[in-house]
N, C-alpha and C. Protein backbone atom coordinates (compact mmCIF):
# COMPACT_ATOMS: atom_id res chain seq x y z
N MET A 1 32.72 31.32 -3.47
CA MET A 1 31.38 31.82 -3.21
C MET A 1 30.87 30.69 -2.38
N SER A 2 29.77 30.78 -1.99
CA SER A 2 29.05 29.69 -0.61
C SER A 2 28.51 28.89 -1.51
N ARG A 3 29.15 27.77 -0.87
CA ARG A 3 28.19 26.44 -1.52
C ARG A 3 26.86 26.29 -1.08
N LEU A 4 26.04 27.23 -1.44
CA LEU A 4 24.25 27.60 -0.99
C LEU A 4 23.99 27.27 -1.80
N ALA A 5 23.12 26.38 -1.87
CA ALA A 5 21.69 26.07 -3.43
C ALA A 5 20.20 26.14 -2.65
N PHE A 6 19.63 27.10 -3.03
CA PHE A 6 18.19 27.15 -3.08
C PHE A 6 17.46 26.59 -4.17
N PHE A 7 16.30 25.81 -3.43
CA PHE A 7 15.43 25.13 -4.54
C PHE A 7 13.86 25.67 -4.29
N ASP A 8 13.60 25.86 -5.66
CA ASP A 8 11.82 25.81 -5.55
C ASP A 8 11.51 24.11 -5.57
N LEU A 9 10.14 24.60 -4.89
CA LEU A 9 9.67 22.85 -4.83
C LEU A 9 8.97 22.57 -5.92
N ASP A 10 7.38 23.32 -6.25
CA ASP A 10 6.49 22.81 -6.88
C ASP A 10 6.88 23.21 -8.32
N GLY A 11 6.91 22.41 -9.62
CA GLY A 11 7.43 22.05 -10.82
C GLY A 11 8.55 22.22 -10.89
N THR A 12 9.63 22.22 -10.20
CA THR A 12 11.44 22.25 -9.87
C THR A 12 12.01 20.88 -9.71
N LEU A 13 11.61 20.84 -7.97
CA LEU A 13 11.69 19.42 -7.38
C LEU A 13 11.18 17.73 -7.28
N ALA A 14 9.69 18.70 -7.58
CA ALA A 14 8.48 17.96 -7.79
C ALA A 14 7.45 18.10 -8.67
N ASP A 15 6.51 17.27 -9.36
CA ASP A 15 5.11 17.37 -10.44
C ASP A 15 4.30 17.88 -9.98
N ARG A 16 4.01 18.75 -9.57
CA ARG A 16 2.84 19.71 -8.37
C ARG A 16 1.81 19.22 -9.46
N GLN A 17 1.23 19.37 -10.43
CA GLN A 17 0.26 18.93 -11.76
C GLN A 17 0.06 17.41 -11.34
N SER A 18 0.42 16.87 -11.71
CA SER A 18 0.30 15.27 -11.52
C SER A 18 -0.15 15.03 -10.48
N ALA A 19 0.57 15.72 -9.63
CA ALA A 19 -0.11 15.09 -8.03
C ALA A 19 -1.33 15.93 -7.75
N LEU A 20 -1.45 17.38 -8.51
CA LEU A 20 -3.19 17.76 -8.47
C LEU A 20 -4.18 17.30 -8.47
N SER A 21 -4.01 16.45 -10.13
CA SER A 21 -4.87 15.93 -10.31
C SER A 21 -5.37 14.60 -9.86
N ASP A 22 -4.50 14.03 -9.69
CA ASP A 22 -4.47 12.92 -9.06
C ASP A 22 -5.00 12.64 -7.45
N ALA A 23 -5.14 13.88 -6.46
CA ALA A 23 -5.88 14.68 -5.39
C ALA A 23 -6.94 14.89 -5.51
N VAL A 24 -7.09 15.77 -7.10
CA VAL A 24 -8.76 15.97 -7.01
C VAL A 24 -9.20 15.19 -7.57
N THR A 25 -9.26 14.34 -8.16
CA THR A 25 -9.86 12.99 -8.56
C THR A 25 -10.13 12.26 -7.36
N GLY A 26 -9.26 11.85 -6.12
CA GLY A 26 -9.02 11.04 -5.48
C GLY A 26 -10.12 11.62 -4.36
N LEU A 27 -10.26 12.77 -4.41
CA LEU A 27 -11.28 13.51 -3.25
C LEU A 27 -12.76 13.45 -3.54
N CYS A 28 -13.09 14.07 -5.10
CA CYS A 28 -14.21 14.03 -5.51
C CYS A 28 -14.89 12.83 -5.70
N ARG A 29 -14.07 11.97 -5.65
CA ARG A 29 -14.75 9.97 -5.52
C ARG A 29 -15.20 9.72 -3.96
N ALA A 30 -14.21 10.38 -3.33
CA ALA A 30 -14.11 9.89 -1.61
C ALA A 30 -15.62 10.45 -1.41
N HIS A 31 -16.07 11.58 -1.75
CA HIS A 31 -17.16 12.16 -1.68
C HIS A 31 -18.57 12.39 -2.74
N ALA A 32 -18.09 11.99 -3.36
CA ALA A 32 -18.97 11.74 -4.90
C ALA A 32 -19.53 13.28 -5.09
N LEU A 33 -18.30 13.93 -5.43
CA LEU A 33 -19.06 15.19 -5.56
C LEU A 33 -19.18 15.37 -7.26
N PRO A 34 -19.56 16.05 -7.66
CA PRO A 34 -20.30 16.20 -8.97
C PRO A 34 -19.60 16.64 -10.04
N PRO A 35 -19.26 16.55 -11.58
CA PRO A 35 -18.34 16.97 -12.63
C PRO A 35 -18.01 17.70 -11.98
N ALA A 36 -18.76 19.24 -12.17
CA ALA A 36 -18.83 20.54 -11.69
C ALA A 36 -17.51 21.09 -11.16
N ALA A 37 -18.12 20.39 -9.66
CA ALA A 37 -17.13 20.75 -8.39
C ALA A 37 -15.95 19.91 -8.76
N GLU A 38 -15.42 19.04 -9.64
CA GLU A 38 -14.36 18.79 -9.54
C GLU A 38 -13.51 19.88 -10.74
N GLN A 39 -14.00 20.37 -11.74
CA GLN A 39 -13.59 21.11 -13.02
C GLN A 39 -13.62 22.25 -11.84
N TRP A 40 -14.35 22.62 -11.34
CA TRP A 40 -13.89 24.10 -10.31
C TRP A 40 -12.86 23.81 -9.17
N LEU A 41 -12.41 22.64 -8.90
CA LEU A 41 -11.30 22.83 -8.03
C LEU A 41 -10.32 22.52 -8.90
N ARG A 42 -10.29 21.83 -9.95
CA ARG A 42 -9.02 22.33 -10.96
C ARG A 42 -8.84 23.74 -11.21
N THR A 43 -9.51 24.39 -11.13
CA THR A 43 -9.39 25.24 -12.11
C THR A 43 -8.83 26.73 -10.89
N GLU A 44 -9.40 26.49 -10.24
CA GLU A 44 -9.26 27.22 -8.46
C GLU A 44 -8.11 26.65 -7.95
N LEU A 45 -6.99 26.01 -7.98
CA LEU A 45 -6.12 24.91 -7.45
C LEU A 45 -5.20 25.05 -8.17
N ALA A 46 -5.35 25.66 -9.68
CA ALA A 46 -4.59 24.97 -10.25
C ALA A 46 -2.56 25.86 -10.60
N ASP A 47 -2.52 27.17 -9.70
CA ASP A 47 -1.72 27.28 -9.39
C ASP A 47 -1.45 27.43 -7.64
N ARG A 48 -2.42 27.42 -7.36
CA ARG A 48 -2.21 27.45 -5.66
C ARG A 48 -2.79 26.77 -4.55
N ALA A 49 -2.84 26.12 -3.71
CA ALA A 49 -4.45 26.18 -2.70
C ALA A 49 -3.92 26.78 -1.01
N ASN A 50 -4.77 26.79 -0.50
CA ASN A 50 -5.01 26.78 0.87
C ASN A 50 -6.33 26.64 1.71
N ALA A 51 -6.71 26.66 2.53
CA ALA A 51 -7.75 26.10 3.34
C ALA A 51 -9.09 26.96 2.64
N ALA A 52 -8.86 28.40 2.40
CA ALA A 52 -9.89 28.92 2.32
C ALA A 52 -10.75 28.24 1.16
N ASP A 53 -10.10 27.94 0.08
CA ASP A 53 -10.22 27.51 -1.09
C ASP A 53 -11.64 26.42 -0.77
N PHE A 54 -11.01 25.83 0.37
CA PHE A 54 -12.35 24.24 0.26
C PHE A 54 -13.70 24.98 1.29
N VAL A 55 -13.91 26.23 1.88
CA VAL A 55 -14.66 26.90 1.93
C VAL A 55 -15.45 27.65 1.69
N ARG A 56 -14.84 28.03 -0.07
CA ARG A 56 -15.51 28.38 -0.68
C ARG A 56 -16.02 26.84 -2.14
N LEU A 57 -15.53 26.29 -1.79
CA LEU A 57 -16.10 24.47 -2.12
C LEU A 57 -17.15 24.29 -1.93
N ARG A 58 -17.78 24.45 -0.44
CA ARG A 58 -18.60 23.82 0.53
C ARG A 58 -19.77 24.52 0.09
N ASP A 59 -19.09 26.27 -0.11
CA ASP A 59 -20.71 27.26 -0.17
C ASP A 59 -20.84 27.15 -1.45
N VAL A 60 -19.69 26.87 -2.60
CA VAL A 60 -21.20 27.09 -3.93
C VAL A 60 -21.24 25.54 -4.44
N PHE A 61 -21.57 24.98 -3.86
CA PHE A 61 -21.83 23.84 -4.36
C PHE A 61 -22.83 22.51 -3.06
N GLY A 62 -22.78 23.59 -1.95
CA GLY A 62 -23.96 23.51 -0.72
C GLY A 62 -23.17 21.97 -0.04
N LEU A 63 -22.03 21.97 0.22
CA LEU A 63 -21.73 20.14 0.47
C LEU A 63 -21.75 20.58 2.00
N GLU A 64 -22.43 19.49 2.43
CA GLU A 64 -22.47 19.01 3.77
C GLU A 64 -21.41 18.88 4.97
N VAL A 65 -20.53 18.40 4.26
CA VAL A 65 -18.91 17.62 4.89
C VAL A 65 -18.48 18.90 5.23
N PRO A 66 -17.58 19.09 6.56
CA PRO A 66 -16.61 20.54 7.09
C PRO A 66 -15.81 20.57 6.23
N ALA A 67 -15.65 22.30 5.91
CA ALA A 67 -14.49 22.10 4.45
C ALA A 67 -13.00 21.81 5.39
N GLU A 68 -12.96 22.19 6.46
CA GLU A 68 -11.57 21.89 7.40
C GLU A 68 -11.44 19.90 6.89
N GLN A 69 -12.49 19.74 6.84
CA GLN A 69 -12.05 18.22 6.94
C GLN A 69 -11.13 17.42 5.55
N LEU A 70 -12.30 18.86 4.15
CA LEU A 70 -12.04 18.32 3.21
C LEU A 70 -10.50 18.92 2.85
N TRP A 71 -10.07 20.31 3.18
CA TRP A 71 -9.01 20.43 3.18
C TRP A 71 -7.96 19.51 4.01
N HIS A 72 -8.28 19.09 4.73
CA HIS A 72 -7.15 17.98 5.36
C HIS A 72 -7.02 16.46 4.35
N GLU A 73 -8.09 16.57 4.41
CA GLU A 73 -8.18 15.14 3.39
C GLU A 73 -7.09 15.40 1.92
N TYR A 74 -7.43 16.68 1.71
CA TYR A 74 -6.52 17.46 0.20
C TYR A 74 -4.89 17.22 0.74
N VAL A 75 -4.56 17.75 1.77
CA VAL A 75 -3.80 17.50 2.29
C VAL A 75 -2.71 15.86 2.19
N GLY A 76 -3.89 15.37 2.72
CA GLY A 76 -2.80 14.13 2.43
C GLY A 76 -2.81 13.63 1.17
N LEU A 77 -3.63 13.42 0.30
CA LEU A 77 -3.95 13.05 -0.84
C LEU A 77 -2.56 13.56 -1.36
N MET A 78 -2.82 15.04 -2.04
CA MET A 78 -1.37 15.62 -2.09
C MET A 78 -0.03 14.90 -2.10
N ALA A 79 0.13 15.02 -0.51
CA ALA A 79 1.54 14.36 0.19
C ALA A 79 1.75 12.98 -0.79
N ALA A 80 0.81 12.20 -0.44
CA ALA A 80 0.69 10.98 -0.92
C ALA A 80 0.95 10.95 -2.66
N ALA A 81 0.76 11.69 -3.57
CA ALA A 81 0.50 11.60 -4.77
C ALA A 81 1.48 12.31 -5.39
N SER A 82 2.41 13.36 -4.74
CA SER A 82 3.79 14.03 -4.76
C SER A 82 4.85 13.11 -4.63
N ILE A 83 5.69 13.38 -5.67
CA ILE A 83 6.94 12.64 -5.96
C ILE A 83 8.18 13.21 -6.45
N CYS A 84 9.35 13.03 -5.99
CA CYS A 84 10.68 13.90 -6.34
C CYS A 84 11.30 12.20 -6.93
N ARG A 85 11.72 12.56 -8.24
CA ARG A 85 12.37 10.99 -9.08
C ARG A 85 13.95 10.71 -8.72
N PRO A 86 13.80 9.62 -8.20
CA PRO A 86 15.37 9.20 -7.50
C PRO A 86 16.91 9.90 -8.11
N GLU A 87 16.75 10.21 -9.42
CA GLU A 87 17.81 11.06 -10.03
C GLU A 87 17.81 12.65 -9.53
N VAL A 88 16.60 13.07 -8.98
CA VAL A 88 16.59 14.52 -8.17
C VAL A 88 16.99 13.82 -6.62
N LEU A 89 16.86 13.27 -6.13
CA LEU A 89 16.84 12.78 -4.79
C LEU A 89 18.19 12.28 -4.56
N GLU A 90 19.15 11.48 -5.23
CA GLU A 90 20.39 11.28 -5.42
C GLU A 90 21.32 12.39 -5.84
N GLY A 91 20.67 13.19 -6.52
CA GLY A 91 21.29 14.58 -6.77
C GLY A 91 21.78 15.45 -6.17
N LEU A 92 20.32 15.95 -4.93
CA LEU A 92 20.60 16.60 -3.76
C LEU A 92 21.55 15.63 -3.12
N ALA A 93 21.47 14.58 -2.54
CA ALA A 93 22.57 13.84 -1.95
C ALA A 93 23.53 14.05 -2.47
N ARG A 94 24.12 14.11 -3.31
CA ARG A 94 25.56 14.12 -3.41
C ARG A 94 26.11 15.60 -3.67
N LEU A 95 25.18 16.74 -3.69
CA LEU A 95 25.52 18.03 -3.18
C LEU A 95 25.82 18.19 -1.69
N ARG A 96 24.92 17.79 -1.20
CA ARG A 96 25.40 17.44 0.27
C ARG A 96 26.66 16.77 0.69
N ALA A 97 26.91 15.92 -0.07
CA ALA A 97 28.29 15.29 0.25
C ALA A 97 28.88 16.03 0.13
N SER A 98 28.70 16.86 -1.24
CA SER A 98 30.16 17.54 -1.70
C SER A 98 30.42 18.88 -0.80
N GLY A 99 29.31 18.74 0.55
CA GLY A 99 29.81 20.43 1.27
C GLY A 99 28.64 21.20 0.79
N TRP A 100 27.80 21.09 -0.12
CA TRP A 100 26.54 21.93 -0.13
C TRP A 100 25.70 22.53 1.06
N THR A 101 25.34 23.43 1.11
CA THR A 101 23.71 23.22 2.16
C THR A 101 22.70 23.70 0.91
N ILE A 102 21.43 22.81 1.76
CA ILE A 102 20.42 22.63 0.71
C ILE A 102 19.30 23.41 1.60
N GLY A 103 18.77 24.28 0.75
CA GLY A 103 17.64 25.58 0.93
C GLY A 103 16.58 25.16 0.18
N ILE A 104 15.29 25.12 0.83
CA ILE A 104 13.64 24.84 -0.02
C ILE A 104 13.17 26.28 0.09
N VAL A 105 12.68 26.83 -0.85
CA VAL A 105 12.44 28.20 -0.81
C VAL A 105 11.25 28.23 -1.62
N THR A 106 9.73 27.72 -1.26
CA THR A 106 8.98 27.28 -1.68
C THR A 106 7.33 28.71 -1.35
N ASN A 107 6.39 28.56 -2.53
CA ASN A 107 5.32 29.61 -2.17
C ASN A 107 4.34 28.48 -1.67
N GLY A 108 3.53 29.07 -0.97
CA GLY A 108 1.92 27.55 -0.44
C GLY A 108 1.96 27.57 1.04
N ALA A 109 1.09 27.10 1.15
CA ALA A 109 0.62 26.38 2.74
C ALA A 109 1.28 26.10 3.09
N SER A 110 1.68 26.64 4.52
CA SER A 110 2.88 25.15 5.35
C SER A 110 2.11 23.97 5.38
N ASP A 111 1.36 24.06 5.92
CA ASP A 111 1.34 22.37 5.90
C ASP A 111 0.70 22.11 4.96
N ILE A 112 0.38 21.96 3.74
CA ILE A 112 0.96 21.26 2.52
C ILE A 112 2.23 21.20 2.31
N GLN A 113 2.74 22.17 1.89
CA GLN A 113 4.28 21.98 1.16
C GLN A 113 4.87 21.34 2.23
N ARG A 114 4.76 21.10 3.80
CA ARG A 114 5.43 20.40 4.31
C ARG A 114 5.18 18.92 4.71
N ALA A 115 3.93 18.74 4.15
CA ALA A 115 3.67 17.00 4.14
C ALA A 115 4.16 16.71 2.79
N LYS A 116 4.04 17.67 1.70
CA LYS A 116 4.60 16.80 0.54
C LYS A 116 6.64 16.72 0.83
N LEU A 117 6.98 17.46 1.10
CA LEU A 117 8.50 17.47 1.38
C LEU A 117 8.76 16.43 2.49
N THR A 118 7.88 16.01 3.42
CA THR A 118 8.46 14.59 3.87
C THR A 118 7.73 13.39 3.28
N ALA A 119 6.59 13.48 2.78
CA ALA A 119 6.37 12.22 1.80
C ALA A 119 7.17 12.19 0.35
N THR A 120 7.99 13.03 0.02
CA THR A 120 8.81 12.72 -0.99
C THR A 120 10.33 12.27 -0.75
N GLY A 121 10.36 12.42 0.82
CA GLY A 121 11.80 12.35 0.97
C GLY A 121 12.55 13.84 1.22
N LEU A 122 12.17 14.94 0.76
CA LEU A 122 12.97 16.10 0.35
C LEU A 122 13.18 16.73 1.93
N ALA A 123 12.88 16.17 2.49
CA ALA A 123 12.59 17.02 3.91
C ALA A 123 14.20 16.07 4.63
N ASP A 124 14.35 15.05 4.05
CA ASP A 124 15.94 14.79 4.58
C ASP A 124 16.78 15.13 4.35
N LEU A 125 16.96 15.97 2.87
CA LEU A 125 18.07 16.56 2.25
C LEU A 125 17.90 18.08 2.57
N ALA A 126 17.07 18.59 3.33
CA ALA A 126 17.14 19.84 3.18
C ALA A 126 17.47 20.47 4.67
N ASP A 127 18.54 21.25 4.42
CA ASP A 127 18.76 22.24 5.64
C ASP A 127 18.12 22.87 6.35
N GLY A 128 17.37 23.48 5.42
CA GLY A 128 16.53 24.62 5.91
C GLY A 128 15.14 24.48 5.03
N VAL A 129 14.13 24.69 5.35
CA VAL A 129 13.01 25.32 4.68
C VAL A 129 12.05 26.95 4.95
N ALA A 130 12.12 27.35 3.91
CA ALA A 130 11.11 27.75 4.15
C ALA A 130 9.57 28.12 3.27
N VAL A 131 8.44 28.07 3.55
CA VAL A 131 7.40 28.31 2.92
C VAL A 131 6.68 29.96 2.89
N SER A 132 6.13 29.81 1.86
CA SER A 132 6.03 31.68 1.66
C SER A 132 4.04 31.75 3.39
N GLY A 133 3.67 30.55 3.20
CA GLY A 133 2.64 30.47 4.30
C GLY A 133 2.75 30.50 5.68
N ASP A 134 4.26 30.62 6.40
CA ASP A 134 4.97 31.07 7.15
C ASP A 134 4.97 32.46 7.48
N LEU A 135 5.02 33.06 6.74
CA LEU A 135 5.20 34.72 6.58
C LEU A 135 3.86 35.20 6.29
N GLU A 136 3.22 34.52 5.78
CA GLU A 136 2.10 34.98 4.25
C GLU A 136 2.46 36.32 3.75
N ILE A 137 4.15 35.86 3.31
CA ILE A 137 4.43 36.11 2.00
C ILE A 137 4.53 35.82 0.67
N ARG A 138 4.77 35.66 -0.46
CA ARG A 138 5.53 35.04 -1.36
C ARG A 138 6.60 35.15 -2.07
N LYS A 139 6.94 34.58 -2.80
CA LYS A 139 8.85 34.88 -3.47
C LYS A 139 8.21 35.68 -4.73
N PRO A 140 8.52 36.56 -5.50
CA PRO A 140 10.13 37.04 -4.34
C PRO A 140 10.34 37.66 -3.62
N ASP A 141 9.71 37.71 -2.47
CA ASP A 141 9.68 38.69 -1.68
C ASP A 141 11.15 38.59 -0.98
N LEU A 142 11.85 39.25 -0.68
CA LEU A 142 13.43 39.18 0.27
C LEU A 142 13.07 38.18 1.01
N ARG A 143 12.31 39.03 2.05
CA ARG A 143 12.04 38.31 3.61
C ARG A 143 12.10 37.07 3.56
N LEU A 144 11.27 36.03 2.80
CA LEU A 144 11.47 34.14 1.96
C LEU A 144 12.61 34.08 2.18
N PHE A 145 13.93 34.87 1.32
CA PHE A 145 15.20 33.74 1.08
C PHE A 145 15.92 34.00 2.86
N GLU A 146 15.40 35.39 2.97
CA GLU A 146 15.80 35.52 4.90
C GLU A 146 15.84 34.77 5.81
N LEU A 147 14.18 34.29 5.27
CA LEU A 147 13.92 33.18 6.31
C LEU A 147 14.76 31.52 6.23
N ALA A 148 14.92 31.43 4.60
CA ALA A 148 15.35 29.89 4.23
C ALA A 148 16.77 30.02 4.92
N ALA A 149 17.73 31.20 4.82
CA ALA A 149 18.81 31.65 4.89
C ALA A 149 19.11 30.97 6.23
N SER A 150 18.22 32.11 7.43
CA SER A 150 18.58 32.13 8.99
C SER A 150 18.47 30.13 9.39
N ARG A 151 17.20 29.81 8.56
CA ARG A 151 16.81 28.30 8.93
C ARG A 151 17.92 27.20 8.37
N CYS A 152 18.93 28.17 7.38
CA CYS A 152 19.99 26.98 6.57
C CYS A 152 21.48 27.12 7.46
N ASN A 153 20.96 27.87 8.67
CA ASN A 153 22.07 28.97 9.53
C ASN A 153 23.65 29.53 8.43
N VAL A 154 23.16 29.77 7.51
CA VAL A 154 23.82 30.61 6.10
C VAL A 154 23.88 32.35 6.21
N ASN A 155 25.00 32.89 5.73
CA ASN A 155 24.12 34.13 5.56
C ASN A 155 24.35 34.71 4.11
N LEU A 156 22.84 35.07 3.74
CA LEU A 156 23.00 35.50 2.43
C LEU A 156 24.40 36.45 1.55
N ALA A 157 24.26 37.23 2.42
CA ALA A 157 25.74 38.04 2.31
C ALA A 157 27.05 37.41 1.66
N ASP A 158 27.11 35.89 1.70
CA ASP A 158 28.16 35.09 1.28
C ASP A 158 27.91 34.30 0.19
N GLY A 159 27.00 35.00 -0.57
CA GLY A 159 26.12 34.47 -2.10
C GLY A 159 25.86 33.31 -2.04
N GLY A 160 25.40 32.71 -3.21
CA GLY A 160 25.09 31.41 -3.45
C GLY A 160 23.94 31.08 -4.30
N TRP A 161 23.42 29.91 -4.51
CA TRP A 161 22.61 29.70 -5.89
C TRP A 161 20.76 29.99 -5.65
N MET A 162 19.86 29.57 -6.04
CA MET A 162 18.11 30.07 -6.75
C MET A 162 18.32 29.14 -7.80
N VAL A 163 17.64 28.38 -7.79
CA VAL A 163 16.94 27.34 -8.54
C VAL A 163 15.36 26.82 -8.82
N GLY A 164 15.11 27.25 -10.10
CA GLY A 164 13.60 27.43 -9.62
C GLY A 164 12.77 27.48 -11.13
N ASP A 165 11.83 27.52 -11.32
CA ASP A 165 11.21 27.10 -12.62
C ASP A 165 10.13 28.54 -12.70
N LYS A 166 10.17 28.83 -12.12
CA LYS A 166 9.13 30.51 -11.74
C LYS A 166 9.49 32.37 -12.15
N PRO A 167 9.23 32.81 -12.71
CA PRO A 167 10.31 33.64 -12.37
C PRO A 167 10.17 34.55 -11.35
N GLY A 168 9.13 34.73 -10.50
CA GLY A 168 9.60 35.16 -9.33
C GLY A 168 10.79 34.14 -8.47
N ASP A 169 11.36 32.94 -8.74
CA ASP A 169 12.60 32.23 -7.99
C ASP A 169 13.51 32.72 -8.71
N VAL A 170 13.59 33.50 -9.74
CA VAL A 170 14.67 34.14 -10.60
C VAL A 170 14.96 35.58 -9.88
N VAL A 171 13.56 36.34 -10.19
CA VAL A 171 13.79 37.92 -9.22
C VAL A 171 14.00 37.86 -7.55
N GLY A 172 13.52 36.67 -7.22
CA GLY A 172 13.78 36.61 -5.78
C GLY A 172 14.97 36.24 -5.37
N GLY A 173 15.95 35.64 -6.18
CA GLY A 173 17.08 34.99 -6.14
C GLY A 173 18.27 36.22 -6.54
N HIS A 174 17.89 37.04 -7.31
CA HIS A 174 18.66 38.24 -7.74
C HIS A 174 18.72 39.48 -6.67
N GLN A 175 17.45 39.60 -6.00
CA GLN A 175 17.48 40.21 -5.06
C GLN A 175 18.13 40.47 -3.68
N ALA A 176 17.75 38.45 -3.94
CA ALA A 176 19.03 38.23 -2.15
C ALA A 176 20.27 38.05 -2.46
N GLY A 177 20.73 38.29 -3.59
CA GLY A 177 22.39 38.54 -4.31
C GLY A 177 22.82 37.05 -4.54
N LEU A 178 21.85 35.90 -5.06
CA LEU A 178 22.60 34.82 -5.35
C LEU A 178 22.44 34.38 -7.15
N ARG A 179 23.12 33.75 -7.98
CA ARG A 179 23.10 33.37 -9.22
C ARG A 179 22.27 32.51 -9.07
N THR A 180 21.45 32.42 -10.11
CA THR A 180 20.11 31.90 -10.87
C THR A 180 20.49 30.91 -11.74
N ILE A 181 19.48 30.14 -11.71
CA ILE A 181 18.85 29.03 -12.90
C ILE A 181 17.79 28.50 -12.86
N TRP A 182 16.88 28.90 -13.65
CA TRP A 182 15.95 28.75 -14.55
C TRP A 182 15.45 27.46 -15.16
N LEU A 183 14.63 26.75 -14.84
CA LEU A 183 14.09 25.54 -15.32
C LEU A 183 12.94 26.22 -16.79
N ARG A 184 13.64 26.04 -17.65
CA ARG A 184 12.44 26.79 -18.95
C ARG A 184 10.92 25.96 -18.86
N GLY A 185 10.10 26.77 -18.97
CA GLY A 185 8.88 26.38 -19.18
C GLY A 185 8.56 27.43 -19.96
N ARG A 186 7.50 28.25 -19.20
CA ARG A 186 6.99 29.32 -19.93
C ARG A 186 7.36 30.68 -20.51
N PRO A 187 7.42 31.33 -21.64
CA PRO A 187 8.17 32.19 -21.71
C PRO A 187 8.28 33.32 -21.05
N TRP A 188 10.09 33.68 -21.31
CA TRP A 188 10.89 34.04 -19.71
C TRP A 188 9.85 35.58 -20.50
N PRO A 189 9.26 36.73 -19.48
CA PRO A 189 9.13 38.15 -19.77
C PRO A 189 10.58 38.68 -19.87
N ASP A 190 10.07 39.32 -20.88
CA ASP A 190 11.45 40.10 -21.24
C ASP A 190 11.68 41.25 -20.67
N GLU A 191 10.99 42.14 -19.99
CA GLU A 191 11.33 43.09 -18.80
C GLU A 191 11.70 42.46 -17.45
N LEU A 192 11.77 41.11 -17.52
CA LEU A 192 12.54 40.66 -16.44
C LEU A 192 13.90 40.36 -16.54
N PRO A 193 14.83 40.90 -15.69
CA PRO A 193 16.23 39.85 -15.79
C PRO A 193 16.63 38.69 -16.22
N ALA A 194 17.24 38.39 -16.90
CA ALA A 194 17.72 36.83 -17.45
C ALA A 194 18.70 36.36 -15.92
N ALA A 195 18.07 34.77 -15.78
CA ALA A 195 18.88 33.94 -15.15
C ALA A 195 20.16 33.71 -15.54
N HIS A 196 21.21 33.19 -14.90
CA HIS A 196 22.19 33.10 -15.00
C HIS A 196 22.66 32.03 -15.86
N HIS A 197 21.43 30.99 -15.92
CA HIS A 197 21.98 29.84 -16.56
C HIS A 197 20.25 29.04 -16.79
N VAL A 198 20.38 28.63 -18.20
CA VAL A 198 18.55 28.37 -18.44
C VAL A 198 19.11 26.64 -18.65
N VAL A 199 18.08 26.07 -18.36
CA VAL A 199 17.99 24.02 -18.23
C VAL A 199 16.41 23.82 -18.99
N GLY A 200 16.50 22.42 -18.54
CA GLY A 200 15.65 21.61 -19.38
C GLY A 200 14.81 21.02 -18.50
N ASP A 201 15.96 20.69 -16.85
CA ASP A 201 15.80 19.72 -16.15
C ASP A 201 16.17 20.58 -14.29
N VAL A 202 15.78 20.00 -13.44
CA VAL A 202 16.57 20.45 -12.11
C VAL A 202 18.01 19.77 -12.50
N THR A 203 17.96 17.96 -12.53
CA THR A 203 19.08 17.54 -12.29
C THR A 203 20.10 18.36 -13.84
N ASP A 204 19.47 19.02 -14.29
CA ASP A 204 20.89 20.07 -15.04
C ASP A 204 21.49 20.87 -14.33
N ALA A 205 20.46 21.39 -13.39
CA ALA A 205 20.94 22.29 -12.72
C ALA A 205 22.00 21.77 -11.37
N ILE A 206 21.74 20.91 -10.96
CA ILE A 206 22.48 20.08 -9.94
C ILE A 206 23.66 20.01 -10.42
N ALA A 207 23.94 19.19 -12.05
CA ALA A 207 24.84 19.27 -12.58
C ALA A 207 25.96 20.36 -12.53
N ILE A 208 25.27 21.34 -12.60
CA ILE A 208 25.92 23.30 -13.09
C ILE A 208 26.63 22.99 -11.79
N LEU A 209 25.87 23.15 -10.58
CA LEU A 209 26.13 23.08 -9.08
C LEU A 209 27.33 22.22 -9.01
N LEU A 210 27.20 20.88 -9.42
CA LEU A 210 28.15 20.52 -8.91
C LEU A 210 29.72 20.50 -9.44
N ASN A 211 29.65 21.12 -10.60
CA ASN A 211 31.09 21.32 -11.28
C ASN A 211 31.40 22.74 -10.92
N GLU A 212 30.79 22.91 -10.37
CA GLU A 212 31.42 24.78 -9.33
C GLU A 212 32.21 23.56 -8.23
N THR A 213 31.65 22.91 -7.37
CA THR A 213 32.07 22.07 -6.49
C THR A 213 33.46 21.73 -6.99
N GLU A 214 34.12 21.10 -8.12
CA GLU A 214 34.81 20.78 -8.93
C GLU A 214 35.72 21.90 -9.10
């Protein structure tokens, strides 16, 4: 099997929820937004965020600051608050040193996801990145995995792995002909095919891949 490993970003390589909390708090303080606006942001951005959310924020609360400015500030705050643990970065570096090709396949707006990858140091460890905003599609769409493979200069037909924390990661990985590793979190939907491995942390997934190398 090809030494190709695709990883999800949010909830897998980096903790989005913690970064989101810090970014929303920082944005609201910077503009003295009312508590209702802060709660609105935490609810609306819980699963995803894009520039249109800040157009709606401005309209709902009658803000004077331009929506585009709010979005760019939020992107910067999210990037600054995003952290990839040292042991994860070290594990990815070990994979690359062992001859693995590393791809990141993530849902989200292109500008914010790439800012997070740069800020965490993950961009330096990835051979290719595919963000759903690049094509306006989302996992489990096969085209996103095909884009990632193209940017990694590999062929999906040669096989590989997909590691992620959401059903879309596993379903998309299966559709792409990849073996899958799921980071357990929410209960797994009974109607979906199970992952090949289930782990508690991405470092456990990296250990499985390294064991494949040996």
